């Protein structure tokens, strides 16, 4: 892990289809999970996710019921595509992938540097 990266663990350059649901029983929202790591990820959606809300994320392409739960830390309009991006602090993993081997969610993904230039 790069010493200039403020994250607790590596994230992987990926783009996986996900369904996001606000806990405890919200309607699913389609999106993409990118920069996935054991402690967090960035989620792209067509509508903004509410900061400080708890969400359940299901990986659509995972045959082993991989999912996670976390808290939305920040949300902003995405400048490059139509929609929004949100940072999610992952608090619990479930399904067939243990959090220590999250690279298996996206096996062809490579570790990605922290794209942030300064603290939020």
C-alpha atoms as a PDB file:
ATOM      1  CA  UNK A   1       0.000   0.000   0.000  1.00  0.00           C
ATOM      2  CA  UNK A   2       1.266   3.466  -0.908  1.00  0.00           C
ATOM      3  CA  UNK A   3       2.284   5.555   2.125  1.00  0.00           C
ATOM      4  CA  UNK A   4       0.558   8.639   0.642  1.00  0.00           C
ATOM      5  CA  UNK A   5      -2.749   6.775   0.350  1.00  0.00           C
ATOM      6  CA  UNK A   6      -4.957   7.508   3.388  1.00  0.00           C
ATOM      7  CA  UNK A   7      -7.085   4.406   2.981  1.00  0.00           C
ATOM      8  CA  UNK A   8      -6.848   1.524   5.447  1.00  0.00           C
ATOM      9  CA  UNK A   9      -6.487  -1.071   2.653  1.00  0.00           C
ATOM     10  CA  UNK A  10      -5.986  -1.287  -1.105  1.00  0.00           C
ATOM     11  CA  UNK A  11      -8.910  -0.667  -3.410  1.00  0.00           C
ATOM     12  CA  UNK A  12      -9.270  -2.429  -6.741  1.00  0.00           C
ATOM     13  CA  UNK A  13      -9.922  -0.721 -10.063  1.00  0.00           C
ATOM     14  CA  UNK A  14     -13.214  -2.300 -11.047  1.00  0.00           C
ATOM     15  CA  UNK A  15     -16.700  -1.614 -12.353  1.00  0.00           C
ATOM     16  CA  UNK A  16     -19.234  -4.164 -11.167  1.00  0.00           C
ATOM     17  CA  UNK A  17     -23.015  -3.989 -11.422  1.00  0.00           C
ATOM     18  CA  UNK A  18     -24.625  -3.631  -8.009  1.00  0.00           C
ATOM     19  CA  UNK A  19     -28.012  -3.149  -6.446  1.00  0.00           C
ATOM     20  CA  UNK A  20     -28.155  -0.661  -3.575  1.00  0.00           C
ATOM     21  CA  UNK A  21     -30.937  -0.795  -1.015  1.00  0.00           C
ATOM     22  CA  UNK A  22     -31.401   1.574   1.913  1.00  0.00           C
ATOM     23  CA  UNK A  23     -31.730  -0.384   5.162  1.00  0.00           C
ATOM     24  CA  UNK A  24     -33.885  -1.781   6.556  1.00  0.00           C
ATOM     25  CA  UNK A  25     -36.142  -2.382   3.525  1.00  0.00           C
ATOM     26  CA  UNK A  26     -35.652   0.164   0.759  1.00  0.00           C
ATOM     27  CA  UNK A  27     -36.408  -0.294  -2.933  1.00  0.00           C
ATOM     28  CA  UNK A  28     -33.338  -1.507  -4.889  1.00  0.00           C
ATOM     29  CA  UNK A  29     -31.437   1.048  -7.001  1.00  0.00           C
ATOM     30  CA  UNK A  30     -29.168  -0.085  -9.847  1.00  0.00           C
ATOM     31  CA  UNK A  31     -25.608   1.175  -9.895  1.00  0.00           C
ATOM     32  CA  UNK A  32     -21.933   0.348 -10.323  1.00  0.00           C
ATOM     33  CA  UNK A  33     -19.411  -0.441  -7.630  1.00  0.00           C
ATOM     34  CA  UNK A  34     -15.964   0.944  -8.423  1.00  0.00           C
ATOM     35  CA  UNK A  35     -12.700   1.180  -6.477  1.00  0.00           C
ATOM     36  CA  UNK A  36     -13.768  -1.730  -4.280  1.00  0.00           C
ATOM     37  CA  UNK A  37     -11.759  -2.612  -1.192  1.00  0.00           C
ATOM     38  CA  UNK A  38     -12.296  -4.466   2.072  1.00  0.00           C
ATOM     39  CA  UNK A  39     -13.246  -1.277   3.937  1.00  0.00           C
ATOM     40  CA  UNK A  40     -14.945   0.827   1.281  1.00  0.00           C
ATOM     41  CA  UNK A  41     -15.955   1.522  -2.273  1.00  0.00           C
ATOM     42  CA  UNK A  42     -17.306   4.196  -4.554  1.00  0.00           C
ATOM     43  CA  UNK A  43     -20.826   3.644  -5.891  1.00  0.00           C
ATOM     44  CA  UNK A  44     -22.210   5.273  -9.054  1.00  0.00           C
ATOM     45  CA  UNK A  45     -25.998   5.710  -9.228  1.00  0.00           C
ATOM     46  CA  UNK A  46     -28.568   7.694 -11.196  1.00  0.00           C
ATOM     47  CA  UNK A  47     -29.956   9.315  -8.022  1.00  0.00           C
ATOM     48  CA  UNK A  48     -27.998  10.648  -5.029  1.00  0.00           C
ATOM     49  CA  UNK A  49     -27.534   8.407  -1.999  1.00  0.00           C
ATOM     50  CA  UNK A  50     -28.309  10.074   1.311  1.00  0.00           C
ATOM     51  CA  UNK A  51     -25.203  10.799   3.408  1.00  0.00           C
ATOM     52  CA  UNK A  52     -25.028   8.980   6.765  1.00  0.00           C
ATOM     53  CA  UNK A  53     -27.624   6.406   5.641  1.00  0.00           C
ATOM     54  CA  UNK A  54     -27.002   2.671   5.939  1.00  0.00           C
ATOM     55  CA  UNK A  55     -27.208   0.621   2.762  1.00  0.00           C
ATOM     56  CA  UNK A  56     -27.059  -2.989   1.583  1.00  0.00           C
ATOM     57  CA  UNK A  57     -25.113  -3.640  -1.651  1.00  0.00           C
ATOM     58  CA  UNK A  58     -25.538  -6.814  -3.713  1.00  0.00           C
ATOM     59  CA  UNK A  59     -23.073  -7.675  -6.496  1.00  0.00           C
ATOM     60  CA  UNK A  60     -25.235  -8.693  -9.455  1.00  0.00           C
ATOM     61  CA  UNK A  61     -22.602 -10.776 -11.253  1.00  0.00           C
ATOM     62  CA  UNK A  62     -21.481 -12.744  -8.193  1.00  0.00           C
ATOM     63  CA  UNK A  63     -22.609 -16.366  -8.233  1.00  0.00           C
ATOM     64  CA  UNK A  64     -21.777 -16.752  -4.539  1.00  0.00           C
ATOM     65  CA  UNK A  65     -24.239 -14.200  -3.088  1.00  0.00           C
ATOM     66  CA  UNK A  66     -21.510 -11.621  -2.363  1.00  0.00           C
ATOM     67  CA  UNK A  67     -22.946  -8.579  -0.603  1.00  0.00           C
ATOM     68  CA  UNK A  68     -21.987  -5.953   1.937  1.00  0.00           C
ATOM     69  CA  UNK A  69     -23.480  -3.374   4.253  1.00  0.00           C
ATOM     70  CA  UNK A  70     -22.104   0.052   4.924  1.00  0.00           C
ATOM     71  CA  UNK A  71     -22.679   3.727   5.565  1.00  0.00           C
ATOM     72  CA  UNK A  72     -22.747   6.443   2.910  1.00  0.00           C
ATOM     73  CA  UNK A  73     -19.935   8.851   3.827  1.00  0.00           C
ATOM     74  CA  UNK A  74     -20.264  11.377   1.000  1.00  0.00           C
ATOM     75  CA  UNK A  75     -22.292  11.961  -2.192  1.00  0.00           C
ATOM     76  CA  UNK A  76     -21.667  14.321  -5.083  1.00  0.00           C
ATOM     77  CA  UNK A  77     -22.712  14.814  -8.691  1.00  0.00           C
ATOM     78  CA  UNK A  78     -20.428  12.882 -11.029  1.00  0.00           C
ATOM     79  CA  UNK A  79     -18.691  15.337 -13.383  1.00  0.00           C
ATOM     80  CA  UNK A  80     -17.912  12.836 -16.174  1.00  0.00           C
ATOM     81  CA  UNK A  81     -21.162  10.883 -16.497  1.00  0.00           C
ATOM     82  CA  UNK A  82     -24.792  11.616 -15.814  1.00  0.00           C
ATOM     83  CA  UNK A  83     -25.551  10.681 -12.216  1.00  0.00           C
ATOM     84  CA  UNK A  84     -23.988  10.661  -8.779  1.00  0.00           C
ATOM     85  CA  UNK A  85     -21.083   9.046  -6.976  1.00  0.00           C
ATOM     86  CA  UNK A  86     -20.939   8.142  -3.300  1.00  0.00           C
ATOM     87  CA  UNK A  87     -18.248   6.923  -0.941  1.00  0.00           C
ATOM     88  CA  UNK A  88     -19.310   3.974   1.188  1.00  0.00           C
ATOM     89  CA  UNK A  89     -17.642   2.830   4.425  1.00  0.00           C
ATOM     90  CA  UNK A  90     -18.151  -0.949   4.362  1.00  0.00           C
ATOM     91  CA  UNK A  91     -18.906  -2.349   7.770  1.00  0.00           C
ATOM     92  CA  UNK A  92     -19.781  -5.971   6.999  1.00  0.00           C
ATOM     93  CA  UNK A  93     -19.273  -8.440   4.135  1.00  0.00           C
ATOM     94  CA  UNK A  94     -21.436 -11.481   3.472  1.00  0.00           C
ATOM     95  CA  UNK A  95     -21.752 -14.270   0.950  1.00  0.00           C
ATOM     96  CA  UNK A  96     -18.915 -16.279  -0.511  1.00  0.00           C
ATOM     97  CA  UNK A  97     -16.065 -13.759  -0.371  1.00  0.00           C
ATOM     98  CA  UNK A  98     -14.254 -13.101   2.912  1.00  0.00           C
ATOM     99  CA  UNK A  99     -13.301  -9.458   3.467  1.00  0.00           C
ATOM    100  CA  UNK A 100      -9.597 -10.373   3.588  1.00  0.00           C
ATOM    101  CA  UNK A 101      -9.752 -11.619  -0.016  1.00  0.00           C
ATOM    102  CA  UNK A 102     -11.953  -8.982  -1.630  1.00  0.00           C
ATOM    103  CA  UNK A 103      -9.874  -9.105  -4.812  1.00  0.00           C
ATOM    104  CA  UNK A 104     -11.905 -12.213  -5.674  1.00  0.00           C
ATOM    105  CA  UNK A 105     -14.993 -10.031  -6.259  1.00  0.00           C
ATOM    106  CA  UNK A 106     -13.208  -8.589  -9.298  1.00  0.00           C
ATOM    107  CA  UNK A 107     -10.426 -11.091 -10.107  1.00  0.00           C
ATOM    108  CA  UNK A 108      -8.981  -9.113 -13.051  1.00  0.00           C
ATOM    109  CA  UNK A 109      -8.862  -5.824 -11.165  1.00  0.00           C
ATOM    110  CA  UNK A 110      -5.615  -4.180 -10.138  1.00  0.00           C
ATOM    111  CA  UNK A 111      -4.931  -2.148  -6.999  1.00  0.00           C
ATOM    112  CA  UNK A 112      -5.844   1.501  -7.545  1.00  0.00           C
ATOM    113  CA  UNK A 113      -4.197   4.579  -6.063  1.00  0.00           C
ATOM    114  CA  UNK A 114      -6.206   6.988  -3.958  1.00  0.00           C
ATOM    115  CA  UNK A 115      -7.500   9.518  -6.512  1.00  0.00           C
ATOM    116  CA  UNK A 116      -8.153  12.179  -3.886  1.00  0.00           C
ATOM    117  CA  UNK A 117      -5.625  14.987  -3.745  1.00  0.00           C
ATOM    118  CA  UNK A 118      -6.500  16.241  -0.275  1.00  0.00           C
ATOM    119  CA  UNK A 119      -8.610  15.196   2.727  1.00  0.00           C
ATOM    120  CA  UNK A 120     -12.360  15.739   2.506  1.00  0.00           C
END
